[in-house]
Amino acid sequence: MPEALVIVDYQNDFVPPDGALAVAGGDEIVDRINALARDPRFDLVVATRDWHPADHHSFREQGGPWPPHCVQGTRGAELHPDLDTSRIAEVVDTGTRPEDEGYSAFEEPRMAQVLREHGITDVTVVGLATDYCVLNTARDALREGFAVTVDTSAVRAVDVEPGDGDRALAELEALGARIVDLSAA
């Protein structure tokens, strides 16, 4: 079963201490993500990036809930420098137009295309944030017919409401995803 590691939005703007929309504990998972990226069981490693225009609808100035983050071409939108990119074969940008939601990598048709071109049947999803982009990417991977694992040792949640991350994982498990701490395996 060809398997891909999908690293969701491990970008400067989501990582403490300086990120515009820093996810608490997001800086704690980079070593785990890097270890997974080096794991030979993964036939393909794909990273996703929020890649928003300056007038993206999710920004507060446009009536959305979030501060500006991951604006195209800025340092904040770049993959975090502690992320080992040597095994990343593809980077898929999401939320590239003002009206795009940008929560799921599968919003961009290229995501499913890349996985299918490589014969991938299984994906392991890690990154930021559990209750938004990880949730939506994993949910859509299931809808696309991929077997999905979420490694709880390599995700962190925004938790706007306490427990949002746990609820996201429970939803994914109910949909058929495997929710597991692979570092303990």
N, C-alpha and C. Protein backbone atom coordinates (compact mmCIF):
# COMPACT_ATOMS: atom_id res chain seq x y z
N MET A 1 0.84 -1.18 0.00
CA MET A 1 0.00 0.00 0.00
C MET A 1 0.88 1.25 0.00
N PRO A 2 1.01 1.90 -1.14
CA PRO A 2 1.82 3.12 -1.18
C PRO A 2 1.25 4.20 -0.25
N GLU A 3 2.14 4.79 0.52
CA GLU A 3 1.70 5.72 1.57
C GLU A 3 2.42 7.06 1.44
N ALA A 4 1.66 8.12 1.70
CA ALA A 4 2.21 9.47 1.68
C ALA A 4 2.10 10.10 3.06
N LEU A 5 3.09 10.92 3.38
CA LEU A 5 3.01 11.79 4.54
C LEU A 5 2.59 13.16 4.03
N VAL A 6 1.53 13.70 4.62
CA VAL A 6 1.04 15.03 4.26
C VAL A 6 1.30 15.95 5.44
N ILE A 7 2.21 16.89 5.25
CA ILE A 7 2.57 17.86 6.29
C ILE A 7 1.75 19.12 6.04
N VAL A 8 0.81 19.39 6.92
CA VAL A 8 -0.13 20.49 6.73
C VAL A 8 0.39 21.78 7.36
N ASP A 9 0.62 22.77 6.53
CA ASP A 9 0.81 24.17 6.92
C ASP A 9 1.84 24.40 8.04
N TYR A 10 2.98 23.74 7.95
CA TYR A 10 4.02 24.02 8.95
C TYR A 10 4.81 25.25 8.47
N GLN A 11 4.18 26.41 8.69
CA GLN A 11 4.66 27.69 8.17
C GLN A 11 4.97 28.66 9.30
N ASN A 12 5.80 29.63 8.99
CA ASN A 12 6.23 30.60 10.00
C ASN A 12 5.07 31.25 10.74
N ASP A 13 4.01 31.62 10.04
CA ASP A 13 2.92 32.33 10.70
C ASP A 13 2.11 31.46 11.67
N PHE A 14 2.29 30.15 11.62
CA PHE A 14 1.56 29.26 12.54
C PHE A 14 2.43 28.75 13.69
N VAL A 15 3.71 29.10 13.68
CA VAL A 15 4.63 28.56 14.68
C VAL A 15 5.03 29.64 15.68
N PRO A 16 4.90 29.32 16.99
CA PRO A 16 5.36 30.27 18.02
C PRO A 16 6.89 30.40 17.97
N PRO A 17 7.46 31.46 18.46
CA PRO A 17 6.76 32.51 19.19
C PRO A 17 6.33 33.68 18.32
N ASP A 18 6.76 33.74 17.06
CA ASP A 18 6.57 34.95 16.27
C ASP A 18 5.45 34.89 15.24
N GLY A 19 4.78 33.76 15.11
CA GLY A 19 3.78 33.62 14.07
C GLY A 19 2.59 34.55 14.26
N ALA A 20 2.09 35.07 13.15
CA ALA A 20 0.93 35.97 13.20
C ALA A 20 -0.32 35.26 13.73
N LEU A 21 -0.39 33.95 13.55
CA LEU A 21 -1.50 33.14 14.02
C LEU A 21 -0.91 31.87 14.63
N ALA A 22 -0.01 32.07 15.58
CA ALA A 22 0.75 30.97 16.17
C ALA A 22 -0.15 29.98 16.90
N VAL A 23 0.08 28.70 16.65
CA VAL A 23 -0.65 27.63 17.30
C VAL A 23 0.15 27.19 18.52
N ALA A 24 -0.45 27.27 19.70
CA ALA A 24 0.24 26.89 20.93
C ALA A 24 0.82 25.48 20.79
N GLY A 25 2.10 25.36 21.08
CA GLY A 25 2.78 24.08 21.00
C GLY A 25 3.19 23.68 19.59
N GLY A 26 2.90 24.52 18.61
CA GLY A 26 3.25 24.20 17.24
C GLY A 26 4.74 24.02 17.02
N ASP A 27 5.53 24.73 17.82
CA ASP A 27 6.98 24.60 17.70
C ASP A 27 7.49 23.29 18.28
N GLU A 28 6.67 22.59 19.04
CA GLU A 28 7.09 21.36 19.72
C GLU A 28 7.03 20.13 18.81
N ILE A 29 6.42 20.22 17.65
CA ILE A 29 6.21 19.02 16.83
C ILE A 29 7.15 18.91 15.64
N VAL A 30 8.01 19.88 15.42
CA VAL A 30 8.84 19.85 14.22
C VAL A 30 9.79 18.66 14.19
N ASP A 31 10.38 18.30 15.33
CA ASP A 31 11.28 17.15 15.33
C ASP A 31 10.54 15.87 14.97
N ARG A 32 9.33 15.72 15.47
CA ARG A 32 8.52 14.55 15.16
C ARG A 32 8.15 14.53 13.68
N ILE A 33 7.76 15.68 13.13
CA ILE A 33 7.43 15.75 11.70
C ILE A 33 8.66 15.39 10.87
N ASN A 34 9.81 15.93 11.24
CA ASN A 34 11.04 15.63 10.50
C ASN A 34 11.38 14.15 10.56
N ALA A 35 11.19 13.52 11.72
CA ALA A 35 11.45 12.09 11.83
C ALA A 35 10.51 11.30 10.92
N LEU A 36 9.25 11.68 10.89
CA LEU A 36 8.30 11.01 10.01
C LEU A 36 8.68 11.20 8.54
N ALA A 37 9.11 12.40 8.18
CA ALA A 37 9.49 12.66 6.78
C ALA A 37 10.67 11.78 6.35
N ARG A 38 11.52 11.42 7.29
CA ARG A 38 12.68 10.55 6.97
C ARG A 38 12.32 9.06 6.98
N ASP A 39 11.12 8.73 7.46
CA ASP A 39 10.71 7.34 7.58
C ASP A 39 10.55 6.73 6.18
N PRO A 40 11.28 5.65 5.89
CA PRO A 40 11.24 5.07 4.54
C PRO A 40 9.90 4.45 4.16
N ARG A 41 9.01 4.26 5.12
CA ARG A 41 7.71 3.69 4.75
C ARG A 41 6.89 4.65 3.89
N PHE A 42 7.23 5.96 3.95
CA PHE A 42 6.49 6.93 3.14
C PHE A 42 7.10 7.00 1.74
N ASP A 43 6.27 6.68 0.77
CA ASP A 43 6.70 6.70 -0.62
C ASP A 43 6.73 8.12 -1.18
N LEU A 44 6.00 9.01 -0.52
CA LEU A 44 5.89 10.39 -0.99
C LEU A 44 5.67 11.29 0.22
N VAL A 45 6.32 12.44 0.22
CA VAL A 45 6.09 13.45 1.26
C VAL A 45 5.61 14.72 0.56
N VAL A 46 4.44 15.19 0.99
CA VAL A 46 3.83 16.39 0.43
C VAL A 46 3.64 17.40 1.56
N ALA A 47 3.95 18.65 1.30
CA ALA A 47 3.67 19.72 2.25
C ALA A 47 2.60 20.62 1.66
N THR A 48 1.76 21.15 2.54
CA THR A 48 0.77 22.14 2.10
C THR A 48 1.14 23.49 2.70
N ARG A 49 0.70 24.54 2.03
CA ARG A 49 0.90 25.90 2.53
C ARG A 49 -0.37 26.70 2.34
N ASP A 50 -0.77 27.40 3.41
CA ASP A 50 -1.71 28.49 3.22
C ASP A 50 -0.96 29.51 2.38
N TRP A 51 -1.58 30.03 1.36
CA TRP A 51 -0.90 30.95 0.45
C TRP A 51 -1.92 32.01 0.03
N HIS A 52 -2.23 32.88 1.00
CA HIS A 52 -3.35 33.80 0.84
C HIS A 52 -2.95 35.12 0.17
N PRO A 53 -3.85 35.66 -0.66
CA PRO A 53 -3.67 37.03 -1.12
C PRO A 53 -3.92 37.99 0.06
N ALA A 54 -3.42 39.19 -0.06
CA ALA A 54 -3.53 40.17 1.04
C ALA A 54 -4.99 40.51 1.37
N ASP A 55 -5.91 40.28 0.44
CA ASP A 55 -7.32 40.59 0.68
C ASP A 55 -8.16 39.33 0.90
N HIS A 56 -7.55 38.28 1.45
CA HIS A 56 -8.28 37.02 1.68
C HIS A 56 -9.47 37.24 2.60
N HIS A 57 -10.58 36.60 2.28
CA HIS A 57 -11.83 36.81 3.02
C HIS A 57 -11.76 36.36 4.48
N SER A 58 -10.80 35.54 4.86
CA SER A 58 -10.71 35.07 6.24
C SER A 58 -10.06 36.08 7.17
N PHE A 59 -9.48 37.14 6.61
CA PHE A 59 -8.80 38.14 7.43
C PHE A 59 -9.82 39.10 8.05
N ARG A 60 -9.56 39.51 9.26
CA ARG A 60 -10.47 40.41 9.99
C ARG A 60 -10.84 41.65 9.18
N GLU A 61 -9.86 42.20 8.47
CA GLU A 61 -10.11 43.41 7.68
C GLU A 61 -11.14 43.18 6.58
N GLN A 62 -11.32 41.90 6.21
CA GLN A 62 -12.30 41.53 5.17
C GLN A 62 -13.57 40.94 5.79
N GLY A 63 -13.67 41.01 7.12
CA GLY A 63 -14.84 40.48 7.81
C GLY A 63 -14.68 39.05 8.31
N GLY A 64 -13.47 38.48 8.17
CA GLY A 64 -13.23 37.11 8.62
C GLY A 64 -12.79 37.04 10.07
N PRO A 65 -12.52 35.84 10.57
CA PRO A 65 -12.19 35.65 11.98
C PRO A 65 -10.71 35.77 12.33
N TRP A 66 -9.82 35.78 11.34
CA TRP A 66 -8.39 35.65 11.62
C TRP A 66 -7.59 36.91 11.32
N PRO A 67 -6.48 37.09 12.04
CA PRO A 67 -5.56 38.15 11.64
C PRO A 67 -4.90 37.76 10.31
N PRO A 68 -4.40 38.74 9.57
CA PRO A 68 -3.69 38.38 8.33
C PRO A 68 -2.57 37.38 8.63
N HIS A 69 -2.47 36.36 7.80
CA HIS A 69 -1.46 35.32 7.99
C HIS A 69 -1.17 34.66 6.65
N CYS A 70 0.03 34.15 6.53
CA CYS A 70 0.45 33.39 5.34
C CYS A 70 0.13 34.12 4.05
N VAL A 71 0.44 35.41 4.02
CA VAL A 71 0.20 36.22 2.83
C VAL A 71 1.26 35.87 1.79
N GLN A 72 0.81 35.61 0.58
CA GLN A 72 1.67 35.19 -0.52
C GLN A 72 2.93 36.04 -0.60
N GLY A 73 4.07 35.35 -0.69
CA GLY A 73 5.34 36.03 -0.88
C GLY A 73 5.97 36.61 0.37
N THR A 74 5.33 36.45 1.53
CA THR A 74 5.90 36.99 2.77
C THR A 74 6.64 35.89 3.53
N ARG A 75 7.48 36.31 4.46
CA ARG A 75 8.21 35.37 5.31
C ARG A 75 7.24 34.49 6.08
N GLY A 76 6.13 35.05 6.54
CA GLY A 76 5.15 34.29 7.30
C GLY A 76 4.55 33.13 6.53
N ALA A 77 4.49 33.22 5.21
CA ALA A 77 3.91 32.17 4.39
C ALA A 77 4.90 31.06 4.05
N GLU A 78 6.17 31.29 4.32
CA GLU A 78 7.19 30.29 4.00
C GLU A 78 7.11 29.11 4.96
N LEU A 79 7.51 27.94 4.46
CA LEU A 79 7.64 26.80 5.36
C LEU A 79 8.66 27.16 6.43
N HIS A 80 8.42 26.70 7.65
CA HIS A 80 9.27 27.04 8.79
C HIS A 80 10.69 26.52 8.55
N PRO A 81 11.71 27.31 8.88
CA PRO A 81 13.10 26.89 8.60
C PRO A 81 13.54 25.64 9.35
N ASP A 82 12.90 25.28 10.45
CA ASP A 82 13.26 24.05 11.16
C ASP A 82 12.68 22.80 10.52
N LEU A 83 11.78 22.97 9.57
CA LEU A 83 11.21 21.84 8.86
C LEU A 83 12.22 21.36 7.82
N ASP A 84 12.58 20.10 7.90
CA ASP A 84 13.50 19.50 6.94
C ASP A 84 12.74 19.26 5.64
N THR A 85 13.06 20.02 4.62
CA THR A 85 12.33 19.93 3.35
C THR A 85 13.00 18.98 2.35
N SER A 86 14.05 18.29 2.75
CA SER A 86 14.82 17.48 1.80
C SER A 86 14.01 16.34 1.18
N ARG A 87 13.00 15.82 1.85
CA ARG A 87 12.19 14.73 1.29
C ARG A 87 10.85 15.20 0.77
N ILE A 88 10.57 16.49 0.87
CA ILE A 88 9.29 16.99 0.36
C ILE A 88 9.35 17.04 -1.16
N ALA A 89 8.52 16.22 -1.78
CA ALA A 89 8.51 16.13 -3.25
C ALA A 89 7.60 17.16 -3.89
N GLU A 90 6.55 17.55 -3.17
CA GLU A 90 5.57 18.49 -3.71
C GLU A 90 5.12 19.44 -2.60
N VAL A 91 4.86 20.69 -2.99
CA VAL A 91 4.23 21.67 -2.11
C VAL A 91 2.94 22.10 -2.79
N VAL A 92 1.82 21.94 -2.08
CA VAL A 92 0.51 22.31 -2.62
C VAL A 92 0.02 23.53 -1.85
N ASP A 93 -0.23 24.61 -2.57
CA ASP A 93 -0.73 25.86 -1.97
C ASP A 93 -2.25 25.86 -1.95
N THR A 94 -2.81 26.38 -0.85
CA THR A 94 -4.26 26.46 -0.70
C THR A 94 -4.66 27.88 -0.33
N GLY A 95 -5.94 28.19 -0.52
CA GLY A 95 -6.44 29.51 -0.18
C GLY A 95 -5.80 30.61 -1.00
N THR A 96 -5.55 30.32 -2.27
CA THR A 96 -4.76 31.22 -3.11
C THR A 96 -5.57 32.38 -3.71
N ARG A 97 -6.89 32.30 -3.62
CA ARG A 97 -7.74 33.38 -4.12
C ARG A 97 -8.51 33.96 -2.95
N PRO A 98 -8.92 35.23 -3.03
CA PRO A 98 -9.62 35.85 -1.90
C PRO A 98 -10.82 35.06 -1.40
N GLU A 99 -11.54 34.41 -2.30
CA GLU A 99 -12.76 33.71 -1.93
C GLU A 99 -12.54 32.25 -1.52
N ASP A 100 -11.34 31.71 -1.72
CA ASP A 100 -11.07 30.32 -1.34
C ASP A 100 -11.11 30.15 0.17
N GLU A 101 -11.67 29.03 0.61
CA GLU A 101 -11.70 28.73 2.04
C GLU A 101 -10.28 28.51 2.56
N GLY A 102 -9.56 27.61 1.91
CA GLY A 102 -8.16 27.38 2.26
C GLY A 102 -7.93 26.43 3.42
N TYR A 103 -8.97 25.79 3.96
CA TYR A 103 -8.78 24.88 5.09
C TYR A 103 -8.34 23.48 4.66
N SER A 104 -8.71 23.05 3.48
CA SER A 104 -8.37 21.71 3.02
C SER A 104 -7.41 21.77 1.84
N ALA A 105 -6.37 20.94 1.90
CA ALA A 105 -5.45 20.84 0.77
C ALA A 105 -6.16 20.33 -0.47
N PHE A 106 -7.25 19.58 -0.28
CA PHE A 106 -7.99 19.02 -1.41
C PHE A 106 -8.88 20.06 -2.09
N GLU A 107 -8.95 21.26 -1.52
CA GLU A 107 -9.62 22.36 -2.23
C GLU A 107 -8.89 22.62 -3.54
N GLU A 108 -7.59 22.37 -3.52
CA GLU A 108 -6.75 22.49 -4.72
C GLU A 108 -6.74 21.12 -5.41
N PRO A 109 -7.33 20.99 -6.60
CA PRO A 109 -7.40 19.69 -7.27
C PRO A 109 -6.04 19.01 -7.45
N ARG A 110 -5.00 19.80 -7.47
CA ARG A 110 -3.65 19.24 -7.63
C ARG A 110 -3.29 18.26 -6.52
N MET A 111 -3.86 18.43 -5.31
CA MET A 111 -3.52 17.56 -4.20
C MET A 111 -3.88 16.11 -4.51
N ALA A 112 -5.12 15.87 -4.87
CA ALA A 112 -5.55 14.50 -5.19
C ALA A 112 -4.79 13.98 -6.41
N GLN A 113 -4.55 14.86 -7.37
CA GLN A 113 -3.85 14.47 -8.58
C GLN A 113 -2.44 13.97 -8.26
N VAL A 114 -1.71 14.71 -7.43
CA VAL A 114 -0.34 14.32 -7.06
C VAL A 114 -0.35 12.96 -6.37
N LEU A 115 -1.26 12.76 -5.43
CA LEU A 115 -1.32 11.49 -4.72
C LEU A 115 -1.64 10.35 -5.67
N ARG A 116 -2.59 10.55 -6.55
CA ARG A 116 -2.98 9.48 -7.49
C ARG A 116 -1.88 9.20 -8.51
N GLU A 117 -1.19 10.24 -8.96
CA GLU A 117 -0.09 10.04 -9.90
C GLU A 117 1.01 9.15 -9.31
N HIS A 118 1.15 9.19 -7.98
CA HIS A 118 2.16 8.38 -7.30
C HIS A 118 1.58 7.06 -6.78
N GLY A 119 0.33 6.76 -7.12
CA GLY A 119 -0.28 5.50 -6.72
C GLY A 119 -0.56 5.39 -5.24
N ILE A 120 -0.67 6.52 -4.56
CA ILE A 120 -0.88 6.54 -3.11
C ILE A 120 -2.28 6.05 -2.78
N THR A 121 -2.37 5.18 -1.77
CA THR A 121 -3.65 4.70 -1.27
C THR A 121 -3.90 5.14 0.17
N ASP A 122 -2.80 5.39 0.91
CA ASP A 122 -2.88 5.72 2.33
C ASP A 122 -2.14 7.03 2.59
N VAL A 123 -2.71 7.87 3.44
CA VAL A 123 -2.03 9.11 3.82
C VAL A 123 -1.97 9.22 5.34
N THR A 124 -0.86 9.71 5.82
CA THR A 124 -0.72 10.07 7.23
C THR A 124 -0.64 11.59 7.26
N VAL A 125 -1.52 12.20 8.03
CA VAL A 125 -1.64 13.65 8.07
C VAL A 125 -1.08 14.16 9.39
N VAL A 126 -0.21 15.17 9.29
CA VAL A 126 0.40 15.82 10.46
C VAL A 126 0.42 17.31 10.21
N GLY A 127 0.70 18.10 11.25
CA GLY A 127 0.89 19.54 11.06
C GLY A 127 -0.08 20.38 11.86
N LEU A 128 -0.38 21.55 11.28
CA LEU A 128 -1.14 22.59 11.98
C LEU A 128 -2.33 23.05 11.12
N ALA A 129 -3.40 23.26 11.70
CA ALA A 129 -3.82 23.01 13.06
C ALA A 129 -4.86 21.90 13.05
N THR A 130 -4.85 21.08 14.10
CA THR A 130 -5.71 19.91 14.19
C THR A 130 -7.17 20.23 13.88
N ASP A 131 -7.67 21.32 14.43
CA ASP A 131 -9.09 21.64 14.36
C ASP A 131 -9.48 22.47 13.14
N TYR A 132 -8.57 22.73 12.25
CA TYR A 132 -8.88 23.46 11.03
C TYR A 132 -8.31 22.75 9.81
N CYS A 133 -7.10 23.04 9.45
CA CYS A 133 -6.56 22.51 8.19
C CYS A 133 -6.25 21.02 8.24
N VAL A 134 -5.81 20.50 9.39
CA VAL A 134 -5.60 19.06 9.51
C VAL A 134 -6.96 18.36 9.40
N LEU A 135 -7.93 18.82 10.15
CA LEU A 135 -9.29 18.24 10.12
C LEU A 135 -9.83 18.22 8.70
N ASN A 136 -9.83 19.34 8.03
CA ASN A 136 -10.44 19.44 6.71
C ASN A 136 -9.67 18.67 5.65
N THR A 137 -8.34 18.67 5.73
CA THR A 137 -7.54 17.91 4.78
C THR A 137 -7.77 16.41 4.98
N ALA A 138 -7.77 15.95 6.23
CA ALA A 138 -7.99 14.52 6.50
C ALA A 138 -9.41 14.11 6.12
N ARG A 139 -10.38 14.95 6.42
CA ARG A 139 -11.78 14.65 6.07
C ARG A 139 -11.92 14.51 4.55
N ASP A 140 -11.33 15.44 3.81
CA ASP A 140 -11.43 15.38 2.36
C ASP A 140 -10.62 14.23 1.77
N ALA A 141 -9.52 13.85 2.42
CA ALA A 141 -8.77 12.68 1.96
C ALA A 141 -9.64 11.43 2.07
N LEU A 142 -10.38 11.31 3.16
CA LEU A 142 -11.32 10.20 3.30
C LEU A 142 -12.37 10.23 2.19
N ARG A 143 -12.93 11.40 1.92
CA ARG A 143 -13.93 11.54 0.85
C ARG A 143 -13.37 11.16 -0.51
N GLU A 144 -12.07 11.41 -0.69
CA GLU A 144 -11.40 11.07 -1.95
C GLU A 144 -11.05 9.59 -2.04
N GLY A 145 -11.30 8.84 -0.96
CA GLY A 145 -11.07 7.40 -0.99
C GLY A 145 -9.74 6.94 -0.43
N PHE A 146 -8.99 7.84 0.17
CA PHE A 146 -7.71 7.45 0.77
C PHE A 146 -7.93 6.92 2.18
N ALA A 147 -7.14 5.94 2.59
CA ALA A 147 -7.11 5.53 3.99
C ALA A 147 -6.30 6.60 4.72
N VAL A 148 -6.80 7.05 5.87
CA VAL A 148 -6.20 8.19 6.56
C VAL A 148 -5.80 7.82 7.98
N THR A 149 -4.57 8.22 8.32
CA THR A 149 -4.07 8.15 9.69
C THR A 149 -3.71 9.57 10.10
N VAL A 150 -4.07 9.96 11.31
CA VAL A 150 -3.60 11.22 11.88
C VAL A 150 -2.71 10.85 13.06
N ASP A 151 -1.46 11.30 13.00
CA ASP A 151 -0.50 11.04 14.08
C ASP A 151 -0.64 12.13 15.14
N THR A 152 -1.20 11.77 16.28
CA THR A 152 -1.47 12.76 17.33
C THR A 152 -0.21 13.34 17.94
N SER A 153 0.93 12.69 17.74
CA SER A 153 2.18 13.23 18.27
C SER A 153 2.73 14.35 17.39
N ALA A 154 2.12 14.56 16.23
CA ALA A 154 2.65 15.53 15.27
C ALA A 154 1.60 16.52 14.79
N VAL A 155 0.61 16.79 15.63
CA VAL A 155 -0.40 17.81 15.34
C VAL A 155 -0.61 18.65 16.59
N ARG A 156 -1.08 19.87 16.40
CA ARG A 156 -1.49 20.74 17.50
C ARG A 156 -2.71 21.52 17.04
N ALA A 157 -3.56 21.88 18.01
CA ALA A 157 -4.82 22.54 17.72
C ALA A 157 -4.79 24.02 18.11
N VAL A 158 -5.61 24.81 17.43
CA VAL A 158 -5.83 26.20 17.82
C VAL A 158 -6.65 26.24 19.11
N ASP A 159 -7.67 25.40 19.18
CA ASP A 159 -8.56 25.34 20.35
C ASP A 159 -9.16 26.70 20.67
N VAL A 160 -9.81 27.34 19.68
CA VAL A 160 -10.54 28.59 19.93
C VAL A 160 -11.49 28.35 21.09
N GLU A 161 -12.18 27.23 21.03
CA GLU A 161 -12.99 26.75 22.15
C GLU A 161 -12.23 25.55 22.73
N PRO A 162 -12.03 25.51 24.05
CA PRO A 162 -11.31 24.38 24.62
C PRO A 162 -11.89 23.05 24.16
N GLY A 163 -11.00 22.15 23.72
CA GLY A 163 -11.42 20.84 23.26
C GLY A 163 -11.69 20.74 21.77
N ASP A 164 -11.56 21.84 21.01
CA ASP A 164 -11.80 21.79 19.57
C ASP A 164 -10.93 20.73 18.89
N GLY A 165 -9.67 20.66 19.29
CA GLY A 165 -8.77 19.67 18.68
C GLY A 165 -9.21 18.25 18.95
N ASP A 166 -9.60 17.97 20.19
CA ASP A 166 -10.08 16.63 20.54
C ASP A 166 -11.36 16.30 19.78
N ARG A 167 -12.25 17.27 19.64
CA ARG A 167 -13.48 17.04 18.88
C ARG A 167 -13.18 16.78 17.40
N ALA A 168 -12.20 17.47 16.86
CA ALA A 168 -11.81 17.25 15.46
C ALA A 168 -11.30 15.82 15.28
N LEU A 169 -10.47 15.36 16.20
CA LEU A 169 -9.94 13.99 16.10
C LEU A 169 -11.06 12.97 16.25
N ALA A 170 -12.00 13.23 17.15
CA ALA A 170 -13.14 12.31 17.33
C ALA A 170 -13.99 12.26 16.07
N GLU A 171 -14.19 13.41 15.44
CA GLU A 171 -14.96 13.44 14.18
C GLU A 171 -14.27 12.61 13.11
N LEU A 172 -12.95 12.78 12.98
CA LEU A 172 -12.21 12.03 11.97
C LEU A 172 -12.26 10.53 12.25
N GLU A 173 -12.14 10.17 13.51
CA GLU A 173 -12.21 8.75 13.86
C GLU A 173 -13.59 8.18 13.51
N ALA A 174 -14.64 8.94 13.78
CA ALA A 174 -16.00 8.49 13.45
C ALA A 174 -16.19 8.34 11.94
N LEU A 175 -15.44 9.11 11.16
CA LEU A 175 -15.51 9.03 9.70
C LEU A 175 -14.66 7.90 9.13
N GLY A 176 -13.85 7.27 10.00
CA GLY A 176 -13.04 6.14 9.54
C GLY A 176 -11.54 6.36 9.56
N ALA A 177 -11.09 7.51 9.99
CA ALA A 177 -9.64 7.74 10.09
C ALA A 177 -9.07 6.98 11.28
N ARG A 178 -7.83 6.62 11.16
CA ARG A 178 -7.09 5.99 12.27
C ARG A 178 -6.40 7.12 13.02
N ILE A 179 -6.72 7.28 14.30
CA ILE A 179 -6.16 8.33 15.13
C ILE A 179 -5.21 7.66 16.12
N VAL A 180 -3.91 7.94 16.00
CA VAL A 180 -2.93 7.20 16.78
C VAL A 180 -1.68 8.03 17.03
N ASP A 181 -1.03 7.77 18.14
CA ASP A 181 0.28 8.36 18.43
C ASP A 181 1.32 7.40 17.86
N LEU A 182 1.83 7.70 16.68
CA LEU A 182 2.80 6.81 16.03
C LEU A 182 4.15 6.82 16.73
N SER A 183 4.41 7.82 17.55
CA SER A 183 5.69 7.85 18.26
C SER A 183 5.73 6.75 19.32
N ALA A 184 4.57 6.27 19.74
CA ALA A 184 4.50 5.22 20.75
C ALA A 184 4.48 3.83 20.12
N ALA A 185 4.35 3.77 18.82
CA ALA A 185 4.24 2.46 18.14
C ALA A 185 5.58 1.79 17.99
